[in-house]
PDB file of N, CA and C in Angstrom:
ATOM      1  N   MET A   1     -13.228 134.997 -35.571  1.00  0.00           N
ATOM      2  CA  MET A   1     -12.335 133.876 -35.506  1.00  0.00           C
ATOM      3  C   MET A   1     -10.952 134.368 -35.117  1.00  0.00           C
ATOM      4  N   ALA A   2     -10.285 133.677 -34.234  1.00  0.00           N
ATOM      5  CA  ALA A   2      -8.968 134.082 -33.765  1.00  0.00           C
ATOM      6  C   ALA A   2      -7.932 133.843 -34.854  1.00  0.00           C
ATOM      7  N   LYS A   3      -6.880 134.657 -34.820  1.00  0.00           N
ATOM      8  CA  LYS A   3      -5.829 134.557 -35.821  1.00  0.00           C
ATOM      9  C   LYS A   3      -5.118 133.209 -35.741  1.00  0.00           C
ATOM     10  N   ALA A   4      -5.038 132.631 -34.547  1.00  0.00           N
ATOM     11  CA  ALA A   4      -4.358 131.348 -34.370  1.00  0.00           C
ATOM     12  C   ALA A   4      -5.148 130.195 -34.982  1.00  0.00           C
ATOM     13  N   ASP A   5      -6.431 130.359 -35.223  1.00  0.00           N
ATOM     14  CA  ASP A   5      -7.264 129.303 -35.785  1.00  0.00           C
ATOM     15  C   ASP A   5      -7.153 129.195 -37.297  1.00  0.00           C
ATOM     16  N   LEU A   6      -6.563 130.186 -37.954  1.00  0.00           N
ATOM     17  CA  LEU A   6      -6.477 130.181 -39.410  1.00  0.00           C
ATOM     18  C   LEU A   6      -5.360 129.258 -39.890  1.00  0.00           C
ATOM     19  N   ILE A   7      -5.556 128.675 -41.067  1.00  0.00           N
ATOM     20  CA  ILE A   7      -4.562 127.812 -41.692  1.00  0.00           C
ATOM     21  C   ILE A   7      -3.796 128.651 -42.703  1.00  0.00           C
ATOM     22  N   THR A   8      -2.458 128.651 -42.633  1.00  0.00           N
ATOM     23  CA  THR A   8      -1.651 129.429 -43.571  1.00  0.00           C
ATOM     24  C   THR A   8      -1.068 128.508 -44.631  1.00  0.00           C
ATOM     25  N   ILE A   9      -1.257 128.901 -45.886  1.00  0.00           N
ATOM     26  CA  ILE A   9      -0.784 128.129 -47.035  1.00  0.00           C
ATOM     27  C   ILE A   9      -0.156 129.106 -48.031  1.00  0.00           C
ATOM     28  N   ASP A  10       0.966 128.696 -48.631  1.00  0.00           N
ATOM     29  CA  ASP A  10       1.610 129.518 -49.654  1.00  0.00           C
ATOM     30  C   ASP A  10       0.945 129.272 -51.000  1.00  0.00           C
ATOM     31  N   GLY A  11       1.007 130.292 -51.852  1.00  0.00           N
ATOM     32  CA  GLY A  11       0.424 130.170 -53.179  1.00  0.00           C
ATOM     33  C   GLY A  11       0.952 131.251 -54.098  1.00  0.00           C
ATOM     34  N   LYS A  12       0.393 131.304 -55.302  1.00  0.00           N
ATOM     35  CA  LYS A  12       0.819 132.271 -56.303  1.00  0.00           C
ATOM     36  C   LYS A  12      -0.411 132.973 -56.860  1.00  0.00           C
ATOM     37  N   VAL A  13      -0.339 134.301 -56.972  1.00  0.00           N
ATOM     38  CA  VAL A  13      -1.456 135.095 -57.485  1.00  0.00           C
ATOM     39  C   VAL A  13      -1.586 134.830 -58.982  1.00  0.00           C
ATOM     40  N   SER A  14      -2.770 134.376 -59.409  1.00  0.00           N
ATOM     41  CA  SER A  14      -2.967 134.045 -60.811  1.00  0.00           C
ATOM     42  C   SER A  14      -3.780 135.093 -61.570  1.00  0.00           C
ATOM     43  N   ASP A  15      -4.638 135.829 -60.864  1.00  0.00           N
ATOM     44  CA  ASP A  15      -5.504 136.789 -61.558  1.00  0.00           C
ATOM     45  C   ASP A  15      -6.014 137.818 -60.563  1.00  0.00           C
ATOM     46  N   LEU A  16      -6.407 138.978 -61.079  1.00  0.00           N
ATOM     47  CA  LEU A  16      -7.013 140.024 -60.270  1.00  0.00           C
ATOM     48  C   LEU A  16      -8.486 140.125 -60.628  1.00  0.00           C
ATOM     49  N   ALA A  17      -9.340 140.064 -59.629  1.00  0.00           N
ATOM     50  CA  ALA A  17     -10.768 140.273 -59.837  1.00  0.00           C
ATOM     51  C   ALA A  17     -11.104 141.677 -59.346  1.00  0.00           C
ATOM     52  N   GLY A  18     -12.280 142.157 -59.635  1.00  0.00           N
ATOM     53  CA  GLY A  18     -12.674 143.489 -59.217  1.00  0.00           C
ATOM     54  C   GLY A  18     -12.892 143.588 -57.723  1.00  0.00           C
ATOM     55  N   GLY A  19     -12.807 144.780 -57.199  1.00  0.00           N
ATOM     56  CA  GLY A  19     -13.101 145.022 -55.794  1.00  0.00           C
ATOM     57  C   GLY A  19     -12.007 144.606 -54.837  1.00  0.00           C
ATOM     58  N   GLY A  20     -10.777 144.515 -55.309  1.00  0.00           N
ATOM     59  CA  GLY A  20      -9.665 144.162 -54.421  1.00  0.00           C
ATOM     60  C   GLY A  20      -9.563 142.682 -54.104  1.00  0.00           C
ATOM     61  N   ILE A  21     -10.150 141.852 -54.948  1.00  0.00           N
ATOM     62  CA  ILE A  21     -10.087 140.406 -54.730  1.00  0.00           C
ATOM     63  C   ILE A  21      -9.061 139.812 -55.681  1.00  0.00           C
ATOM     64  N   TYR A  22      -8.194 138.944 -55.135  1.00  0.00           N
ATOM     65  CA  TYR A  22      -7.158 138.277 -55.900  1.00  0.00           C
ATOM     66  C   TYR A  22      -7.507 136.793 -55.999  1.00  0.00           C
ATOM     67  N   LEU A  23      -7.238 136.197 -57.157  1.00  0.00           N
ATOM     68  CA  LEU A  23      -7.400 134.758 -57.320  1.00  0.00           C
ATOM     69  C   LEU A  23      -6.029 134.126 -57.131  1.00  0.00           C
ATOM     70  N   VAL A  24      -5.921 133.245 -56.136  1.00  0.00           N
ATOM     71  CA  VAL A  24      -4.642 132.654 -55.754  1.00  0.00           C
ATOM     72  C   VAL A  24      -4.721 131.140 -55.939  1.00  0.00           C
ATOM     73  N   ASN A  25      -3.713 130.582 -56.610  1.00  0.00           N
ATOM     74  CA  ASN A  25      -3.591 129.129 -56.713  1.00  0.00           C
ATOM     75  C   ASN A  25      -2.648 128.671 -55.612  1.00  0.00           C
ATOM     76  N   LEU A  26      -3.145 127.840 -54.703  1.00  0.00           N
ATOM     77  CA  LEU A  26      -2.349 127.370 -53.579  1.00  0.00           C
ATOM     78  C   LEU A  26      -1.420 126.244 -54.012  1.00  0.00           C
ATOM     79  N   GLU A  27      -0.464 125.901 -53.127  1.00  0.00           N
ATOM     80  CA  GLU A  27       0.493 124.844 -53.430  1.00  0.00           C
ATOM     81  C   GLU A  27      -0.191 123.497 -53.627  1.00  0.00           C
ATOM     82  N   ASN A  28      -1.314 123.278 -52.952  1.00  0.00           N
ATOM     83  CA  ASN A  28      -2.018 122.012 -53.086  1.00  0.00           C
ATOM     84  C   ASN A  28      -2.945 121.984 -54.304  1.00  0.00           C
ATOM     85  N   GLY A  29      -2.929 123.033 -55.123  1.00  0.00           N
ATOM     86  CA  GLY A  29      -3.690 123.052 -56.363  1.00  0.00           C
ATOM     87  C   GLY A  29      -5.072 123.668 -56.285  1.00  0.00           C
ATOM     88  N   LEU A  30      -5.518 124.058 -55.113  1.00  0.00           N
ATOM     89  CA  LEU A  30      -6.851 124.637 -54.972  1.00  0.00           C
ATOM     90  C   LEU A  30      -6.846 126.127 -55.276  1.00  0.00           C
ATOM     91  N   PRO A  31      -7.853 126.626 -56.005  1.00  0.00           N
ATOM     92  CA  PRO A  31      -7.976 128.070 -56.209  1.00  0.00           C
ATOM     93  C   PRO A  31      -8.730 128.708 -55.049  1.00  0.00           C
ATOM     94  N   VAL A  32      -8.283 129.914 -54.648  1.00  0.00           N
ATOM     95  CA  VAL A  32      -8.883 130.626 -53.518  1.00  0.00           C
ATOM     96  C   VAL A  32      -9.060 132.086 -53.905  1.00  0.00           C
ATOM     97  N   LYS A  33     -10.198 132.668 -53.507  1.00  0.00           N
ATOM     98  CA  LYS A  33     -10.391 134.114 -53.624  1.00  0.00           C
ATOM     99  C   LYS A  33      -9.873 134.735 -52.343  1.00  0.00           C
ATOM    100  N   ALA A  34      -8.981 135.723 -52.470  1.00  0.00           N
ATOM    101  CA  ALA A  34      -8.372 136.301 -51.273  1.00  0.00           C
ATOM    102  C   ALA A  34      -8.343 137.824 -51.369  1.00  0.00           C
ATOM    103  N   ARG A  35      -8.374 138.441 -50.189  1.00  0.00           N
ATOM    104  CA  ARG A  35      -8.249 139.897 -50.057  1.00  0.00           C
ATOM    105  C   ARG A  35      -6.966 140.203 -49.294  1.00  0.00           C
ATOM    106  N   LEU A  36      -6.532 141.452 -49.338  1.00  0.00           N
ATOM    107  CA  LEU A  36      -5.378 141.872 -48.548  1.00  0.00           C
ATOM    108  C   LEU A  36      -5.780 142.052 -47.093  1.00  0.00           C
ATOM    109  N   CYS A  37      -4.884 141.722 -46.180  1.00  0.00           N
ATOM    110  CA  CYS A  37      -5.159 141.954 -44.763  1.00  0.00           C
ATOM    111  C   CYS A  37      -4.973 143.447 -44.463  1.00  0.00           C
ATOM    112  N   GLY A  38      -5.406 143.871 -43.315  1.00  0.00           N
ATOM    113  CA  GLY A  38      -5.388 145.284 -42.947  1.00  0.00           C
ATOM    114  C   GLY A  38      -4.005 145.896 -42.875  1.00  0.00           C
ATOM    115  N   LYS A  39      -3.017 145.141 -42.374  1.00  0.00           N
ATOM    116  CA  LYS A  39      -1.650 145.671 -42.285  1.00  0.00           C
ATOM    117  C   LYS A  39      -1.061 145.927 -43.667  1.00  0.00           C
ATOM    118  N   MET A  40      -1.380 145.064 -44.627  1.00  0.00           N
ATOM    119  CA  MET A  40      -0.857 145.257 -45.982  1.00  0.00           C
ATOM    120  C   MET A  40      -1.494 146.474 -46.639  1.00  0.00           C
ATOM    121  N   LYS A  41      -2.773 146.728 -46.342  1.00  0.00           N
ATOM    122  CA  LYS A  41      -3.423 147.935 -46.849  1.00  0.00           C
ATOM    123  C   LYS A  41      -2.839 149.176 -46.187  1.00  0.00           C
ATOM    124  N   LYS A  42      -2.601 149.099 -44.880  1.00  0.00           N
ATOM    125  CA  LYS A  42      -2.092 150.241 -44.116  1.00  0.00           C
ATOM    126  C   LYS A  42      -0.730 150.692 -44.635  1.00  0.00           C
ATOM    127  N   PHE A  43       0.165 149.736 -44.897  1.00  0.00           N
ATOM    128  CA  PHE A  43       1.514 150.072 -45.343  1.00  0.00           C
ATOM    129  C   PHE A  43       1.653 150.070 -46.862  1.00  0.00           C
ATOM    130  N   LYS A  44       0.491 149.995 -47.576  1.00  0.00           N
ATOM    131  CA  LYS A  44       0.433 150.111 -49.038  1.00  0.00           C
ATOM    132  C   LYS A  44       1.365 149.126 -49.743  1.00  0.00           C
ATOM    133  N   ILE A  45       1.295 147.860 -49.337  1.00  0.00           N
ATOM    134  CA  ILE A  45       2.080 146.813 -49.975  1.00  0.00           C
ATOM    135  C   ILE A  45       1.320 146.348 -51.212  1.00  0.00           C
ATOM    136  N   ARG A  46       1.972 146.427 -52.357  1.00  0.00           N
ATOM    137  CA  ARG A  46       1.335 146.082 -53.634  1.00  0.00           C
ATOM    138  C   ARG A  46       1.522 144.603 -53.925  1.00  0.00           C
ATOM    139  N   VAL A  47       0.487 143.975 -54.433  1.00  0.00           N
ATOM    140  CA  VAL A  47       0.532 142.581 -54.844  1.00  0.00           C
ATOM    141  C   VAL A  47       0.124 142.522 -56.301  1.00  0.00           C
ATOM    142  N   LEU A  48       0.963 141.891 -57.129  1.00  0.00           N
ATOM    143  CA  LEU A  48       0.713 141.794 -58.559  1.00  0.00           C
ATOM    144  C   LEU A  48       0.566 140.337 -58.973  1.00  0.00           C
ATOM    145  N   VAL A  49       0.086 140.140 -60.191  1.00  0.00           N
ATOM    146  CA  VAL A  49      -0.044 138.782 -60.726  1.00  0.00           C
ATOM    147  C   VAL A  49       1.345 138.161 -60.827  1.00  0.00           C
ATOM    148  N   GLY A  50       1.481 136.947 -60.345  1.00  0.00           N
ATOM    149  CA  GLY A  50       2.759 136.239 -60.373  1.00  0.00           C
ATOM    150  C   GLY A  50       3.513 136.272 -59.059  1.00  0.00           C
ATOM    151  N   ASP A  51       3.071 137.086 -58.094  1.00  0.00           N
ATOM    152  CA  ASP A  51       3.743 137.165 -56.791  1.00  0.00           C
ATOM    153  C   ASP A  51       3.431 135.932 -55.950  1.00  0.00           C
ATOM    154  N   ARG A  52       4.438 135.466 -55.191  1.00  0.00           N
ATOM    155  CA  ARG A  52       4.221 134.402 -54.211  1.00  0.00           C
ATOM    156  C   ARG A  52       3.720 135.048 -52.929  1.00  0.00           C
ATOM    157  N   VAL A  53       2.663 134.492 -52.351  1.00  0.00           N
ATOM    158  CA  VAL A  53       2.038 135.055 -51.159  1.00  0.00           C
ATOM    159  C   VAL A  53       1.702 133.952 -50.174  1.00  0.00           C
ATOM    160  N   THR A  54       1.457 134.364 -48.928  1.00  0.00           N
ATOM    161  CA  THR A  54       0.930 133.471 -47.908  1.00  0.00           C
ATOM    162  C   THR A  54      -0.522 133.851 -47.668  1.00  0.00           C
ATOM    163  N   VAL A  55      -1.390 132.847 -47.722  1.00  0.00           N
ATOM    164  CA  VAL A  55      -2.822 133.071 -47.564  1.00  0.00           C
ATOM    165  C   VAL A  55      -3.287 132.383 -46.289  1.00  0.00           C
ATOM    166  N   SER A  56      -4.037 133.096 -45.450  1.00  0.00           N
ATOM    167  CA  SER A  56      -4.653 132.512 -44.260  1.00  0.00           C
ATOM    168  C   SER A  56      -6.090 132.142 -44.605  1.00  0.00           C
ATOM    169  N   VAL A  57      -6.413 130.861 -44.427  1.00  0.00           N
ATOM    170  CA  VAL A  57      -7.709 130.330 -44.827  1.00  0.00           C
ATOM    171  C   VAL A  57      -8.428 129.800 -43.599  1.00  0.00           C
ATOM    172  N   SER A  58      -9.724 130.040 -43.521  1.00  0.00           N
ATOM    173  CA  SER A  58     -10.541 129.522 -42.440  1.00  0.00           C
ATOM    174  C   SER A  58     -10.794 128.028 -42.667  1.00  0.00           C
ATOM    175  N   PRO A  59     -10.760 127.224 -41.607  1.00  0.00           N
ATOM    176  CA  PRO A  59     -11.070 125.798 -41.785  1.00  0.00           C
ATOM    177  C   PRO A  59     -12.547 125.557 -42.107  1.00  0.00           C
ATOM    178  N   TYR A  60     -13.409 126.528 -41.855  1.00  0.00           N
ATOM    179  CA  TYR A  60     -14.832 126.378 -42.120  1.00  0.00           C
ATOM    180  C   TYR A  60     -15.194 126.687 -43.565  1.00  0.00           C
ATOM    181  N   ASP A  61     -14.480 127.610 -44.205  1.00  0.00           N
ATOM    182  CA  ASP A  61     -14.735 127.968 -45.598  1.00  0.00           C
ATOM    183  C   ASP A  61     -13.402 128.106 -46.324  1.00  0.00           C
ATOM    184  N   PRO A  62     -12.885 127.027 -46.901  1.00  0.00           N
ATOM    185  CA  PRO A  62     -11.557 127.070 -47.525  1.00  0.00           C
ATOM    186  C   PRO A  62     -11.522 127.721 -48.902  1.00  0.00           C
ATOM    187  N   THR A  63     -12.604 128.348 -49.354  1.00  0.00           N
ATOM    188  CA  THR A  63     -12.591 128.997 -50.664  1.00  0.00           C
ATOM    189  C   THR A  63     -12.274 130.483 -50.580  1.00  0.00           C
ATOM    190  N   HIS A  64     -12.244 131.049 -49.376  1.00  0.00           N
ATOM    191  CA  HIS A  64     -11.934 132.463 -49.173  1.00  0.00           C
ATOM    192  C   HIS A  64     -10.774 132.594 -48.206  1.00  0.00           C
ATOM    193  N   GLY A  65      -9.968 133.662 -48.367  1.00  0.00           N
ATOM    194  CA  GLY A  65      -8.844 133.838 -47.473  1.00  0.00           C
ATOM    195  C   GLY A  65      -8.353 135.261 -47.431  1.00  0.00           C
ATOM    196  N   LEU A  66      -7.322 135.469 -46.619  1.00  0.00           N
ATOM    197  CA  LEU A  66      -6.648 136.759 -46.461  1.00  0.00           C
ATOM    198  C   LEU A  66      -5.192 136.612 -46.854  1.00  0.00           C
ATOM    199  N   ILE A  67      -4.699 137.524 -47.688  1.00  0.00           N
ATOM    200  CA  ILE A  67      -3.277 137.535 -48.036  1.00  0.00           C
ATOM    201  C   ILE A  67      -2.552 138.239 -46.890  1.00  0.00           C
ATOM    202  N   THR A  68      -1.672 137.525 -46.207  1.00  0.00           N
ATOM    203  CA  THR A  68      -1.002 138.064 -45.026  1.00  0.00           C
ATOM    204  C   THR A  68       0.471 138.378 -45.248  1.00  0.00           C
ATOM    205  N   HIS A  69       1.065 137.851 -46.331  1.00  0.00           N
ATOM    206  CA  HIS A  69       2.493 138.085 -46.568  1.00  0.00           C
ATOM    207  C   HIS A  69       2.791 137.970 -48.046  1.00  0.00           C
ATOM    208  N   ARG A  70       3.659 138.852 -48.546  1.00  0.00           N
ATOM    209  CA  ARG A  70       4.131 138.792 -49.930  1.00  0.00           C
ATOM    210  C   ARG A  70       5.624 138.535 -49.898  1.00  0.00           C
ATOM    211  N   PHE A  71       6.057 137.492 -50.577  1.00  0.00           N
ATOM    212  CA  PHE A  71       7.485 137.139 -50.597  1.00  0.00           C
ATOM    213  C   PHE A  71       8.235 138.024 -51.568  1.00  0.00           C
ATOM    214  N   LYS A  72       9.484 138.354 -51.220  1.00  0.00           N
ATOM    215  CA  LYS A  72      10.348 139.116 -52.114  1.00  0.00           C
ATOM    216  C   LYS A  72      10.936 138.173 -53.148  1.00  0.00           C
ATOM    217  N   ASN A  73      11.202 138.698 -54.321  1.00  0.00           N
ATOM    218  CA  ASN A  73      11.773 137.859 -55.397  1.00  0.00           C
ATOM    219  C   ASN A  73      13.253 137.664 -55.198  1.00  0.00           C
TER     220      ASN A  73
END
């Protein structure tokens, strides 16, 4: 799927699951399981519980996503 086809939504990390999966509550109230994108892994950007993030979600499966940006406090 092309990067332009993904829907980006802001949310807040609520919990950490095993295997590098984060549980994110989006602004619209939906919970999403998300992983870090490759650039965030490459540059070792840490994401903790309580951080505001941007999640890219596929329109075909809105329950999974990629964390693409972490906002500074």
